[in-house]
């Protein structure tokens, strides 16, 4: 019994270390004139003389940027005195994500991570496929059998989820295979291996024409109609866009233009603009009134888009290889290592 108490005390002590470190780091940053973003408490900002310097931290890894060169140098010198740290120069690698630059663009990739994963699974010499998930694929759960793949399956899906930080094209396939983590069978493992061969709500958010965030997520409730599902999806995407707007305000970018929200469901668009209560939509009134409020306040602008132009389809369902390739081009995804 006493041994159990000792172990519990050690665990509690270990869990407090990151919190104590971040508390000390935050105190030091504030002492140097920085404040935390209201949108992300790991983002610190300092504005002076019309310029801005920002620092974002994850555990003990941090990135400093901004247009105030003198302040950036002063911050680095200050942190070197306060903490034991090393300046790694221009950002090339952060949390497993590689950063490459051209004269006009910045590229994020996980090439080494992907190659290591292919090597680990013996798939480095495999024949590539055009899409990460087969169109029309049906999978089921066999609860009466014990899985022999569980540990490997969970590890592979977890590693692929991290890869999806720079690969939005994998998001839908992973949202499907992650539903079978508790008891995966051979068909589920085959679906995961297909993702490695690639050379229900969902959204993409763009800022200045550049893809910034995305998500593919199974809805928490069963939608009773396509309209209900669409409202749930619109609300999810709008909340993300509102958070990004607050973050941009912290960075000094104030936009008076409404957020543009695109939907390919005409009925959902019509109901969102119509203040009259419909019996068939009473069960989605919270989402509907949330969207209607933002429309009335001119915060958001809702537009109908053709289904064949709806990019988010690759986050909510399996599509043909032709549609998949077309949408990847529109998302701005490319292979920077491909020979030119």
C-alpha atoms as a PDB file:
ATOM      1  CA  UNK A   1       0.000   0.000   0.000  1.00  0.00           C
ATOM      2  CA  UNK A   2       2.808   2.380   0.902  1.00  0.00           C
ATOM      3  CA  UNK A   3       4.545   1.623  -2.423  1.00  0.00           C
ATOM      4  CA  UNK A   4       1.374   2.602  -4.277  1.00  0.00           C
ATOM      5  CA  UNK A   5       1.260   5.922  -2.444  1.00  0.00           C
ATOM      6  CA  UNK A   6       4.902   6.616  -3.276  1.00  0.00           C
ATOM      7  CA  UNK A   7       4.342   5.918  -6.984  1.00  0.00           C
ATOM      8  CA  UNK A   8       1.291   8.175  -7.052  1.00  0.00           C
ATOM      9  CA  UNK A   9       3.274  10.981  -5.452  1.00  0.00           C
ATOM     10  CA  UNK A  10       6.042  10.627  -8.039  1.00  0.00           C
ATOM     11  CA  UNK A  11       3.516  10.744 -10.894  1.00  0.00           C
ATOM     12  CA  UNK A  12       1.881  13.877  -9.498  1.00  0.00           C
ATOM     13  CA  UNK A  13       5.291  15.518  -9.103  1.00  0.00           C
ATOM     14  CA  UNK A  14       6.277  14.664 -12.690  1.00  0.00           C
ATOM     15  CA  UNK A  15       2.989  16.056 -14.045  1.00  0.00           C
ATOM     16  CA  UNK A  16       3.637  19.390 -12.308  1.00  0.00           C
ATOM     17  CA  UNK A  17       7.045  19.887 -13.958  1.00  0.00           C
ATOM     18  CA  UNK A  18       5.752  21.145 -17.376  1.00  0.00           C
ATOM     19  CA  UNK A  19       3.231  23.405 -15.629  1.00  0.00           C
ATOM     20  CA  UNK A  20       5.921  24.856 -13.359  1.00  0.00           C
ATOM     21  CA  UNK A  21       8.275  25.393 -16.314  1.00  0.00           C
ATOM     22  CA  UNK A  22       5.613  27.149 -18.366  1.00  0.00           C
ATOM     23  CA  UNK A  23       4.636  29.292 -15.383  1.00  0.00           C
ATOM     24  CA  UNK A  24       8.223  30.434 -14.951  1.00  0.00           C
ATOM     25  CA  UNK A  25       8.610  31.038 -18.689  1.00  0.00           C
ATOM     26  CA  UNK A  26       5.386  33.073 -18.803  1.00  0.00           C
ATOM     27  CA  UNK A  27       6.522  35.191 -15.857  1.00  0.00           C
ATOM     28  CA  UNK A  28       9.845  35.910 -17.585  1.00  0.00           C
ATOM     29  CA  UNK A  29       8.151  36.862 -20.863  1.00  0.00           C
ATOM     30  CA  UNK A  30       5.782  39.239 -19.102  1.00  0.00           C
ATOM     31  CA  UNK A  31       8.696  40.809 -17.242  1.00  0.00           C
ATOM     32  CA  UNK A  32      10.255  41.598 -20.624  1.00  0.00           C
ATOM     33  CA  UNK A  33       7.109  43.368 -21.816  1.00  0.00           C
ATOM     34  CA  UNK A  34       5.315  40.567 -23.665  1.00  0.00           C
ATOM     35  CA  UNK A  35       1.664  39.578 -23.275  1.00  0.00           C
ATOM     36  CA  UNK A  36      -0.106  36.308 -24.023  1.00  0.00           C
ATOM     37  CA  UNK A  37      -2.526  36.045 -26.907  1.00  0.00           C
ATOM     38  CA  UNK A  38      -6.172  35.743 -25.930  1.00  0.00           C
ATOM     39  CA  UNK A  39      -6.575  33.087 -28.626  1.00  0.00           C
ATOM     40  CA  UNK A  40      -3.559  30.921 -27.805  1.00  0.00           C
ATOM     41  CA  UNK A  41      -1.842  31.054 -24.418  1.00  0.00           C
ATOM     42  CA  UNK A  42       1.404  29.660 -25.894  1.00  0.00           C
ATOM     43  CA  UNK A  43       1.732  32.710 -28.177  1.00  0.00           C
ATOM     44  CA  UNK A  44       3.484  35.796 -26.762  1.00  0.00           C
ATOM     45  CA  UNK A  45       3.462  39.200 -28.472  1.00  0.00           C
ATOM     46  CA  UNK A  46       5.115  42.595 -28.139  1.00  0.00           C
ATOM     47  CA  UNK A  47       4.143  45.621 -30.209  1.00  0.00           C
ATOM     48  CA  UNK A  48       6.204  48.810 -30.229  1.00  0.00           C
ATOM     49  CA  UNK A  49       6.986  51.591 -32.712  1.00  0.00           C
ATOM     50  CA  UNK A  50       4.511  50.128 -35.187  1.00  0.00           C
ATOM     51  CA  UNK A  51       6.342  46.789 -35.264  1.00  0.00           C
ATOM     52  CA  UNK A  52       5.575  43.374 -33.779  1.00  0.00           C
ATOM     53  CA  UNK A  53       7.609  40.492 -32.373  1.00  0.00           C
ATOM     54  CA  UNK A  54       6.040  37.117 -31.611  1.00  0.00           C
ATOM     55  CA  UNK A  55       7.188  33.962 -29.861  1.00  0.00           C
ATOM     56  CA  UNK A  56       5.350  30.661 -29.797  1.00  0.00           C
ATOM     57  CA  UNK A  57       6.422  27.866 -27.466  1.00  0.00           C
ATOM     58  CA  UNK A  58       5.689  24.144 -27.278  1.00  0.00           C
ATOM     59  CA  UNK A  59       7.164  22.639 -24.094  1.00  0.00           C
ATOM     60  CA  UNK A  60      10.765  23.903 -24.452  1.00  0.00           C
ATOM     61  CA  UNK A  61      10.845  24.390 -28.238  1.00  0.00           C
ATOM     62  CA  UNK A  62      10.125  27.906 -29.445  1.00  0.00           C
ATOM     63  CA  UNK A  63      10.009  30.009 -32.598  1.00  0.00           C
ATOM     64  CA  UNK A  64      10.648  33.768 -32.635  1.00  0.00           C
ATOM     65  CA  UNK A  65       9.558  35.920 -35.560  1.00  0.00           C
ATOM     66  CA  UNK A  66       8.443  39.451 -36.388  1.00  0.00           C
ATOM     67  CA  UNK A  67       9.471  42.591 -38.260  1.00  0.00           C
ATOM     68  CA  UNK A  68      11.426  44.185 -35.378  1.00  0.00           C
ATOM     69  CA  UNK A  69      14.981  42.875 -35.806  1.00  0.00           C
ATOM     70  CA  UNK A  70      16.402  44.718 -32.781  1.00  0.00           C
ATOM     71  CA  UNK A  71      13.665  43.417 -30.482  1.00  0.00           C
ATOM     72  CA  UNK A  72      14.162  39.856 -31.737  1.00  0.00           C
ATOM     73  CA  UNK A  73      17.859  40.023 -30.900  1.00  0.00           C
ATOM     74  CA  UNK A  74      17.116  41.583 -27.506  1.00  0.00           C
ATOM     75  CA  UNK A  75      14.593  38.830 -26.732  1.00  0.00           C
ATOM     76  CA  UNK A  76      17.038  36.086 -27.695  1.00  0.00           C
ATOM     77  CA  UNK A  77      19.755  37.617 -25.498  1.00  0.00           C
ATOM     78  CA  UNK A  78      17.311  37.969 -22.607  1.00  0.00           C
ATOM     79  CA  UNK A  79      16.116  34.363 -22.852  1.00  0.00           C
ATOM     80  CA  UNK A  80      19.723  33.131 -23.059  1.00  0.00           C
ATOM     81  CA  UNK A  81      20.397  34.814 -19.723  1.00  0.00           C
ATOM     82  CA  UNK A  82      17.207  33.508 -18.119  1.00  0.00           C
ATOM     83  CA  UNK A  83      17.332  29.932 -19.444  1.00  0.00           C
ATOM     84  CA  UNK A  84      19.824  27.494 -20.873  1.00  0.00           C
ATOM     85  CA  UNK A  85      18.995  27.598 -24.560  1.00  0.00           C
ATOM     86  CA  UNK A  86      20.525  27.224 -28.015  1.00  0.00           C
ATOM     87  CA  UNK A  87      19.870  29.373 -31.090  1.00  0.00           C
ATOM     88  CA  UNK A  88      19.333  27.049 -34.067  1.00  0.00           C
ATOM     89  CA  UNK A  89      19.241  29.859 -36.638  1.00  0.00           C
ATOM     90  CA  UNK A  90      16.608  30.238 -39.353  1.00  0.00           C
ATOM     91  CA  UNK A  91      13.611  27.938 -38.919  1.00  0.00           C
ATOM     92  CA  UNK A  92      14.142  24.703 -40.840  1.00  0.00           C
ATOM     93  CA  UNK A  93      12.590  22.086 -38.554  1.00  0.00           C
ATOM     94  CA  UNK A  94       9.994  22.294 -35.771  1.00  0.00           C
ATOM     95  CA  UNK A  95       8.214  19.447 -33.964  1.00  0.00           C
ATOM     96  CA  UNK A  96       8.920  17.006 -36.782  1.00  0.00           C
ATOM     97  CA  UNK A  97       7.777  19.432 -39.488  1.00  0.00           C
ATOM     98  CA  UNK A  98      10.281  20.559 -42.123  1.00  0.00           C
ATOM     99  CA  UNK A  99      10.157  24.196 -43.266  1.00  0.00           C
ATOM    100  CA  UNK A 100      11.397  25.136 -46.752  1.00  0.00           C
ATOM    101  CA  UNK A 101      11.356  28.526 -48.448  1.00  0.00           C
ATOM    102  CA  UNK A 102      11.388  29.959 -51.923  1.00  0.00           C
ATOM    103  CA  UNK A 103      11.500  33.642 -52.831  1.00  0.00           C
ATOM    104  CA  UNK A 104       7.699  33.801 -52.673  1.00  0.00           C
ATOM    105  CA  UNK A 105       6.439  30.861 -50.596  1.00  0.00           C
ATOM    106  CA  UNK A 106       6.915  28.839 -47.428  1.00  0.00           C
ATOM    107  CA  UNK A 107       6.408  25.065 -47.573  1.00  0.00           C
ATOM    108  CA  UNK A 108       5.653  22.732 -44.660  1.00  0.00           C
ATOM    109  CA  UNK A 109       6.337  19.026 -45.053  1.00  0.00           C
ATOM    110  CA  UNK A 110       7.155  15.839 -43.128  1.00  0.00           C
ATOM    111  CA  UNK A 111       9.180  14.061 -45.791  1.00  0.00           C
ATOM    112  CA  UNK A 112      11.667  12.401 -43.431  1.00  0.00           C
ATOM    113  CA  UNK A 113       8.855  11.330 -41.089  1.00  0.00           C
ATOM    114  CA  UNK A 114       6.913   9.798 -44.005  1.00  0.00           C
ATOM    115  CA  UNK A 115       9.982   8.009 -45.394  1.00  0.00           C
ATOM    116  CA  UNK A 116      10.836   6.608 -41.951  1.00  0.00           C
ATOM    117  CA  UNK A 117       7.255   5.350 -41.588  1.00  0.00           C
ATOM    118  CA  UNK A 118       7.384   3.662 -45.000  1.00  0.00           C
ATOM    119  CA  UNK A 119      10.713   2.054 -44.104  1.00  0.00           C
ATOM    120  CA  UNK A 120       9.387   0.856 -40.742  1.00  0.00           C
ATOM    121  CA  UNK A 121       6.350  -0.797 -42.331  1.00  0.00           C
ATOM    122  CA  UNK A 122       8.242  -2.267 -45.284  1.00  0.00           C
ATOM    123  CA  UNK A 123       6.224  -0.172 -47.734  1.00  0.00           C
ATOM    124  CA  UNK A 124       9.054   1.947 -49.184  1.00  0.00           C
ATOM    125  CA  UNK A 125       9.066  -0.004 -52.444  1.00  0.00           C
ATOM    126  CA  UNK A 126       5.295  -0.403 -52.787  1.00  0.00           C
ATOM    127  CA  UNK A 127       3.201   0.443 -55.823  1.00  0.00           C
ATOM    128  CA  UNK A 128       1.566   3.851 -55.152  1.00  0.00           C
ATOM    129  CA  UNK A 129      -2.181   4.489 -55.438  1.00  0.00           C
ATOM    130  CA  UNK A 130      -4.018   7.659 -56.429  1.00  0.00           C
ATOM    131  CA  UNK A 131      -6.266   8.053 -53.364  1.00  0.00           C
ATOM    132  CA  UNK A 132      -5.742   7.217 -49.669  1.00  0.00           C
ATOM    133  CA  UNK A 133      -9.079   5.387 -49.350  1.00  0.00           C
ATOM    134  CA  UNK A 134     -10.961   3.281 -51.868  1.00  0.00           C
ATOM    135  CA  UNK A 135     -14.142   4.838 -53.236  1.00  0.00           C
ATOM    136  CA  UNK A 136     -17.231   2.967 -51.988  1.00  0.00           C
ATOM    137  CA  UNK A 137     -15.287   1.052 -49.316  1.00  0.00           C
ATOM    138  CA  UNK A 138     -17.491  -0.530 -46.611  1.00  0.00           C
ATOM    139  CA  UNK A 139     -16.026  -1.688 -43.305  1.00  0.00           C
ATOM    140  CA  UNK A 140     -17.642  -3.348 -40.295  1.00  0.00           C
ATOM    141  CA  UNK A 141     -16.869  -4.378 -36.716  1.00  0.00           C
ATOM    142  CA  UNK A 142     -16.588  -8.062 -35.763  1.00  0.00           C
ATOM    143  CA  UNK A 143     -17.018  -7.925 -31.997  1.00  0.00           C
ATOM    144  CA  UNK A 144     -16.987 -11.714 -31.520  1.00  0.00           C
ATOM    145  CA  UNK A 145     -13.362 -12.083 -32.601  1.00  0.00           C
ATOM    146  CA  UNK A 146     -10.172 -10.962 -30.889  1.00  0.00           C
ATOM    147  CA  UNK A 147      -7.937  -8.777 -33.032  1.00  0.00           C
ATOM    148  CA  UNK A 148      -4.334  -9.797 -33.618  1.00  0.00           C
ATOM    149  CA  UNK A 149      -3.529  -6.412 -35.166  1.00  0.00           C
ATOM    150  CA  UNK A 150      -4.563  -4.097 -32.337  1.00  0.00           C
ATOM    151  CA  UNK A 151      -1.177  -2.840 -31.107  1.00  0.00           C
ATOM    152  CA  UNK A 152       0.331  -2.370 -34.569  1.00  0.00           C
ATOM    153  CA  UNK A 153      -2.881  -0.898 -35.943  1.00  0.00           C
ATOM    154  CA  UNK A 154      -3.153   1.702 -33.185  1.00  0.00           C
ATOM    155  CA  UNK A 155       0.495   2.676 -33.573  1.00  0.00           C
ATOM    156  CA  UNK A 156       0.204   3.084 -37.355  1.00  0.00           C
ATOM    157  CA  UNK A 157      -2.991   5.140 -37.165  1.00  0.00           C
ATOM    158  CA  UNK A 158      -1.444   7.330 -34.465  1.00  0.00           C
ATOM    159  CA  UNK A 159       1.656   7.978 -36.551  1.00  0.00           C
ATOM    160  CA  UNK A 160      -0.429   8.720 -39.643  1.00  0.00           C
ATOM    161  CA  UNK A 161      -2.520  11.200 -37.651  1.00  0.00           C
ATOM    162  CA  UNK A 162       0.656  13.138 -36.895  1.00  0.00           C
ATOM    163  CA  UNK A 163       1.559  13.053 -40.592  1.00  0.00           C
ATOM    164  CA  UNK A 164      -1.851  14.590 -41.370  1.00  0.00           C
ATOM    165  CA  UNK A 165      -0.619  17.870 -39.821  1.00  0.00           C
ATOM    166  CA  UNK A 166       0.864  18.626 -43.238  1.00  0.00           C
ATOM    167  CA  UNK A 167      -1.263  16.231 -45.305  1.00  0.00           C
ATOM    168  CA  UNK A 168      -4.933  17.284 -45.327  1.00  0.00           C
ATOM    169  CA  UNK A 169      -5.536  14.759 -48.103  1.00  0.00           C
ATOM    170  CA  UNK A 170      -5.196  11.982 -45.495  1.00  0.00           C
ATOM    171  CA  UNK A 171      -7.717  13.474 -43.057  1.00  0.00           C
ATOM    172  CA  UNK A 172     -10.884  11.692 -44.231  1.00  0.00           C
ATOM    173  CA  UNK A 173      -9.237   8.272 -44.583  1.00  0.00           C
ATOM    174  CA  UNK A 174      -7.876   8.590 -41.042  1.00  0.00           C
ATOM    175  CA  UNK A 175     -11.262   9.648 -39.666  1.00  0.00           C
ATOM    176  CA  UNK A 176     -12.606   6.347 -41.045  1.00  0.00           C
ATOM    177  CA  UNK A 177      -9.877   3.947 -39.880  1.00  0.00           C
ATOM    178  CA  UNK A 178      -9.643   5.566 -36.421  1.00  0.00           C
ATOM    179  CA  UNK A 179     -13.185   4.332 -35.671  1.00  0.00           C
ATOM    180  CA  UNK A 180     -11.899   0.735 -35.427  1.00  0.00           C
ATOM    181  CA  UNK A 181      -9.028   1.208 -32.965  1.00  0.00           C
ATOM    182  CA  UNK A 182     -10.682  -1.019 -30.328  1.00  0.00           C
ATOM    183  CA  UNK A 183     -10.896  -4.174 -32.464  1.00  0.00           C
ATOM    184  CA  UNK A 184      -9.292  -3.859 -35.911  1.00  0.00           C
ATOM    185  CA  UNK A 185      -9.512  -6.749 -38.355  1.00  0.00           C
ATOM    186  CA  UNK A 186      -7.657  -7.548 -41.571  1.00  0.00           C
ATOM    187  CA  UNK A 187      -9.868  -5.284 -43.725  1.00  0.00           C
ATOM    188  CA  UNK A 188      -9.145  -2.356 -41.405  1.00  0.00           C
ATOM    189  CA  UNK A 189      -5.398  -3.007 -41.515  1.00  0.00           C
ATOM    190  CA  UNK A 190      -5.568  -3.193 -45.312  1.00  0.00           C
ATOM    191  CA  UNK A 191      -7.256   0.223 -45.357  1.00  0.00           C
ATOM    192  CA  UNK A 192      -4.457   1.662 -43.202  1.00  0.00           C
ATOM    193  CA  UNK A 193      -1.798   0.141 -45.444  1.00  0.00           C
ATOM    194  CA  UNK A 194      -3.508   1.753 -48.433  1.00  0.00           C
ATOM    195  CA  UNK A 195      -3.038   5.163 -46.799  1.00  0.00           C
ATOM    196  CA  UNK A 196       0.694   4.407 -46.643  1.00  0.00           C
ATOM    197  CA  UNK A 197       0.608   3.735 -50.404  1.00  0.00           C
ATOM    198  CA  UNK A 198      -0.736   7.169 -51.248  1.00  0.00           C
ATOM    199  CA  UNK A 199       2.475   9.107 -53.431  1.00  0.00           C
ATOM    200  CA  UNK A 200     -17.980  13.340 -41.764  1.00  0.00           C
ATOM    201  CA  UNK A 201     -17.850  16.860 -40.920  1.00  0.00           C
ATOM    202  CA  UNK A 202     -15.045  18.689 -42.527  1.00  0.00           C
ATOM    203  CA  UNK A 203     -13.765  22.161 -43.261  1.00  0.00           C
ATOM    204  CA  UNK A 204     -10.845  24.008 -44.806  1.00  0.00           C
ATOM    205  CA  UNK A 205      -9.935  27.551 -43.755  1.00  0.00           C
ATOM    206  CA  UNK A 206      -7.993  29.861 -46.055  1.00  0.00           C
ATOM    207  CA  UNK A 207      -6.334  33.191 -45.239  1.00  0.00           C
ATOM    208  CA  UNK A 208      -5.233  35.289 -48.193  1.00  0.00           C
ATOM    209  CA  UNK A 209      -5.795  32.317 -50.478  1.00  0.00           C
ATOM    210  CA  UNK A 210      -3.507  30.086 -48.400  1.00  0.00           C
ATOM    211  CA  UNK A 211      -4.692  26.904 -46.662  1.00  0.00           C
ATOM    212  CA  UNK A 212      -4.243  27.361 -42.889  1.00  0.00           C
ATOM    213  CA  UNK A 213      -6.316  24.770 -40.995  1.00  0.00           C
ATOM    214  CA  UNK A 214      -8.531  21.791 -41.762  1.00  0.00           C
ATOM    215  CA  UNK A 215     -10.484  19.077 -40.002  1.00  0.00           C
ATOM    216  CA  UNK A 216     -12.314  15.846 -40.777  1.00  0.00           C
ATOM    217  CA  UNK A 217     -14.447  14.656 -37.877  1.00  0.00           C
ATOM    218  CA  UNK A 218     -17.317  12.255 -37.391  1.00  0.00           C
ATOM    219  CA  UNK A 219     -20.294  14.158 -35.987  1.00  0.00           C
ATOM    220  CA  UNK A 220     -21.213  13.461 -32.364  1.00  0.00           C
ATOM    221  CA  UNK A 221     -24.902  12.948 -33.161  1.00  0.00           C
ATOM    222  CA  UNK A 222     -26.732  11.134 -35.937  1.00  0.00           C
ATOM    223  CA  UNK A 223     -28.095  13.711 -38.378  1.00  0.00           C
ATOM    224  CA  UNK A 224     -31.722  13.175 -39.383  1.00  0.00           C
ATOM    225  CA  UNK A 225     -31.307  15.036 -42.657  1.00  0.00           C
ATOM    226  CA  UNK A 226     -28.629  16.432 -44.947  1.00  0.00           C
ATOM    227  CA  UNK A 227     -29.647  19.923 -43.794  1.00  0.00           C
ATOM    228  CA  UNK A 228     -28.975  19.051 -40.150  1.00  0.00           C
ATOM    229  CA  UNK A 229     -25.584  17.580 -41.057  1.00  0.00           C
ATOM    230  CA  UNK A 230     -24.772  20.687 -43.089  1.00  0.00           C
ATOM    231  CA  UNK A 231     -25.602  23.056 -40.221  1.00  0.00           C
ATOM    232  CA  UNK A 232     -23.397  21.064 -37.868  1.00  0.00           C
ATOM    233  CA  UNK A 233     -20.552  21.252 -40.353  1.00  0.00           C
ATOM    234  CA  UNK A 234     -21.038  24.982 -41.013  1.00  0.00           C
ATOM    235  CA  UNK A 235     -21.021  25.715 -37.284  1.00  0.00           C
ATOM    236  CA  UNK A 236     -17.790  23.768 -36.832  1.00  0.00           C
ATOM    237  CA  UNK A 237     -16.085  25.636 -39.664  1.00  0.00           C
ATOM    238  CA  UNK A 238     -17.421  29.028 -38.589  1.00  0.00           C
ATOM    239  CA  UNK A 239     -16.135  28.578 -35.021  1.00  0.00           C
ATOM    240  CA  UNK A 240     -12.674  27.840 -36.419  1.00  0.00           C
ATOM    241  CA  UNK A 241     -12.821  30.920 -38.660  1.00  0.00           C
ATOM    242  CA  UNK A 242     -13.905  33.147 -35.755  1.00  0.00           C
ATOM    243  CA  UNK A 243     -10.995  31.856 -33.654  1.00  0.00           C
ATOM    244  CA  UNK A 244      -8.565  32.592 -36.501  1.00  0.00           C
ATOM    245  CA  UNK A 245      -9.960  36.118 -36.794  1.00  0.00           C
ATOM    246  CA  UNK A 246      -9.272  36.727 -33.083  1.00  0.00           C
ATOM    247  CA  UNK A 247      -5.759  35.361 -33.505  1.00  0.00           C
ATOM    248  CA  UNK A 248      -5.132  37.676 -36.460  1.00  0.00           C
ATOM    249  CA  UNK A 249      -6.375  40.624 -34.395  1.00  0.00           C
ATOM    250  CA  UNK A 250      -3.783  39.763 -31.738  1.00  0.00           C
ATOM    251  CA  UNK A 251      -1.163  39.856 -34.493  1.00  0.00           C
ATOM    252  CA  UNK A 252      -2.358  43.287 -35.621  1.00  0.00           C
ATOM    253  CA  UNK A 253      -4.309  42.250 -38.705  1.00  0.00           C
ATOM    254  CA  UNK A 254      -7.730  43.878 -38.501  1.00  0.00           C
ATOM    255  CA  UNK A 255     -10.132  42.916 -41.275  1.00  0.00           C
ATOM    256  CA  UNK A 256     -13.517  44.526 -41.757  1.00  0.00           C
ATOM    257  CA  UNK A 257     -14.413  42.092 -44.526  1.00  0.00           C
ATOM    258  CA  UNK A 258     -16.904  39.340 -43.626  1.00  0.00           C
ATOM    259  CA  UNK A 259     -15.765  35.740 -43.325  1.00  0.00           C
ATOM    260  CA  UNK A 260     -16.762  33.884 -46.499  1.00  0.00           C
ATOM    261  CA  UNK A 261     -18.483  30.570 -45.795  1.00  0.00           C
ATOM    262  CA  UNK A 262     -19.234  28.223 -48.705  1.00  0.00           C
ATOM    263  CA  UNK A 263     -21.941  25.540 -48.666  1.00  0.00           C
ATOM    264  CA  UNK A 264     -23.187  23.277 -51.471  1.00  0.00           C
ATOM    265  CA  UNK A 265     -26.569  22.524 -49.852  1.00  0.00           C
ATOM    266  CA  UNK A 266     -29.169  24.970 -51.216  1.00  0.00           C
ATOM    267  CA  UNK A 267     -31.772  24.115 -48.561  1.00  0.00           C
ATOM    268  CA  UNK A 268     -29.287  24.814 -45.755  1.00  0.00           C
ATOM    269  CA  UNK A 269     -28.315  28.154 -47.339  1.00  0.00           C
ATOM    270  CA  UNK A 270     -31.967  29.189 -47.749  1.00  0.00           C
ATOM    271  CA  UNK A 271     -32.905  28.253 -44.171  1.00  0.00           C
ATOM    272  CA  UNK A 272     -29.846  30.029 -42.746  1.00  0.00           C
ATOM    273  CA  UNK A 273     -30.976  33.277 -44.391  1.00  0.00           C
ATOM    274  CA  UNK A 274     -34.665  32.763 -43.530  1.00  0.00           C
ATOM    275  CA  UNK A 275     -35.696  33.905 -40.017  1.00  0.00           C
ATOM    276  CA  UNK A 276     -38.969  31.927 -40.151  1.00  0.00           C
ATOM    277  CA  UNK A 277     -38.991  28.812 -37.921  1.00  0.00           C
ATOM    278  CA  UNK A 278     -39.553  25.611 -39.864  1.00  0.00           C
ATOM    279  CA  UNK A 279     -40.946  22.556 -38.081  1.00  0.00           C
ATOM    280  CA  UNK A 280     -38.514  20.337 -39.945  1.00  0.00           C
ATOM    281  CA  UNK A 281     -35.533  22.297 -38.610  1.00  0.00           C
ATOM    282  CA  UNK A 282     -36.526  22.859 -34.978  1.00  0.00           C
ATOM    283  CA  UNK A 283     -33.989  20.276 -33.839  1.00  0.00           C
ATOM    284  CA  UNK A 284     -31.124  22.276 -35.389  1.00  0.00           C
ATOM    285  CA  UNK A 285     -32.253  25.702 -34.175  1.00  0.00           C
ATOM    286  CA  UNK A 286     -29.151  26.316 -32.008  1.00  0.00           C
ATOM    287  CA  UNK A 287     -26.764  25.934 -34.952  1.00  0.00           C
ATOM    288  CA  UNK A 288     -29.170  27.754 -37.270  1.00  0.00           C
ATOM    289  CA  UNK A 289     -29.588  30.780 -35.014  1.00  0.00           C
ATOM    290  CA  UNK A 290     -25.839  30.922 -34.329  1.00  0.00           C
ATOM    291  CA  UNK A 291     -25.167  31.156 -38.070  1.00  0.00           C
ATOM    292  CA  UNK A 292     -28.089  33.564 -38.635  1.00  0.00           C
ATOM    293  CA  UNK A 293     -26.785  35.869 -35.893  1.00  0.00           C
ATOM    294  CA  UNK A 294     -23.376  36.077 -37.571  1.00  0.00           C
ATOM    295  CA  UNK A 295     -25.056  36.695 -40.939  1.00  0.00           C
ATOM    296  CA  UNK A 296     -27.161  39.548 -39.515  1.00  0.00           C
ATOM    297  CA  UNK A 297     -24.091  41.097 -37.873  1.00  0.00           C
ATOM    298  CA  UNK A 298     -22.261  40.997 -41.231  1.00  0.00           C
ATOM    299  CA  UNK A 299     -19.524  38.895 -39.637  1.00  0.00           C
ATOM    300  CA  UNK A 300     -20.020  36.062 -42.092  1.00  0.00           C
ATOM    301  CA  UNK A 301     -21.160  35.848 -45.699  1.00  0.00           C
ATOM    302  CA  UNK A 302     -22.753  32.547 -46.757  1.00  0.00           C
ATOM    303  CA  UNK A 303     -22.525  31.576 -50.421  1.00  0.00           C
ATOM    304  CA  UNK A 304     -23.900  28.617 -52.352  1.00  0.00           C
ATOM    305  CA  UNK A 305     -21.201  26.684 -54.193  1.00  0.00           C
ATOM    306  CA  UNK A 306     -21.576  23.959 -56.803  1.00  0.00           C
ATOM    307  CA  UNK A 307     -21.125  20.461 -55.398  1.00  0.00           C
ATOM    308  CA  UNK A 308     -18.442  19.681 -57.977  1.00  0.00           C
ATOM    309  CA  UNK A 309     -16.421  22.657 -56.668  1.00  0.00           C
ATOM    310  CA  UNK A 310     -16.814  21.834 -52.962  1.00  0.00           C
ATOM    311  CA  UNK A 311     -13.251  21.172 -51.766  1.00  0.00           C
ATOM    312  CA  UNK A 312     -14.404  19.834 -48.415  1.00  0.00           C
ATOM    313  CA  UNK A 313     -15.761  16.689 -50.097  1.00  0.00           C
ATOM    314  CA  UNK A 314     -12.335  15.046 -49.752  1.00  0.00           C
ATOM    315  CA  UNK A 315     -12.698  15.477 -45.966  1.00  0.00           C
ATOM    316  CA  UNK A 316     -16.159  13.920 -45.735  1.00  0.00           C
ATOM    317  CA  UNK A 317     -16.215  11.047 -48.228  1.00  0.00           C
ATOM    318  CA  UNK A 318     -14.122   8.900 -50.532  1.00  0.00           C
ATOM    319  CA  UNK A 319     -13.951  10.420 -54.014  1.00  0.00           C
ATOM    320  CA  UNK A 320     -12.619   9.294 -57.380  1.00  0.00           C
ATOM    321  CA  UNK A 321      -8.947   9.736 -58.220  1.00  0.00           C
ATOM    322  CA  UNK A 322      -9.822  12.435 -60.784  1.00  0.00           C
ATOM    323  CA  UNK A 323     -11.740  14.536 -58.250  1.00  0.00           C
ATOM    324  CA  UNK A 324      -9.065  13.925 -55.619  1.00  0.00           C
ATOM    325  CA  UNK A 325      -6.245  15.161 -57.882  1.00  0.00           C
ATOM    326  CA  UNK A 326      -8.235  18.225 -58.959  1.00  0.00           C
ATOM    327  CA  UNK A 327      -8.896  19.261 -55.367  1.00  0.00           C
ATOM    328  CA  UNK A 328      -5.268  18.745 -54.298  1.00  0.00           C
ATOM    329  CA  UNK A 329      -4.230  21.302 -56.909  1.00  0.00           C
ATOM    330  CA  UNK A 330      -6.781  23.788 -55.567  1.00  0.00           C
ATOM    331  CA  UNK A 331      -5.488  23.268 -52.018  1.00  0.00           C
ATOM    332  CA  UNK A 332      -2.013  24.292 -53.160  1.00  0.00           C
ATOM    333  CA  UNK A 333      -0.440  20.946 -52.270  1.00  0.00           C
ATOM    334  CA  UNK A 334       2.633  19.966 -54.268  1.00  0.00           C
ATOM    335  CA  UNK A 335       5.739  17.783 -54.095  1.00  0.00           C
ATOM    336  CA  UNK A 336       8.671  20.180 -53.634  1.00  0.00           C
ATOM    337  CA  UNK A 337      11.086  17.255 -53.993  1.00  0.00           C
ATOM    338  CA  UNK A 338       9.774  16.146 -57.382  1.00  0.00           C
ATOM    339  CA  UNK A 339      12.258  16.637 -60.257  1.00  0.00           C
ATOM    340  CA  UNK A 340      11.514  19.672 -62.410  1.00  0.00           C
END
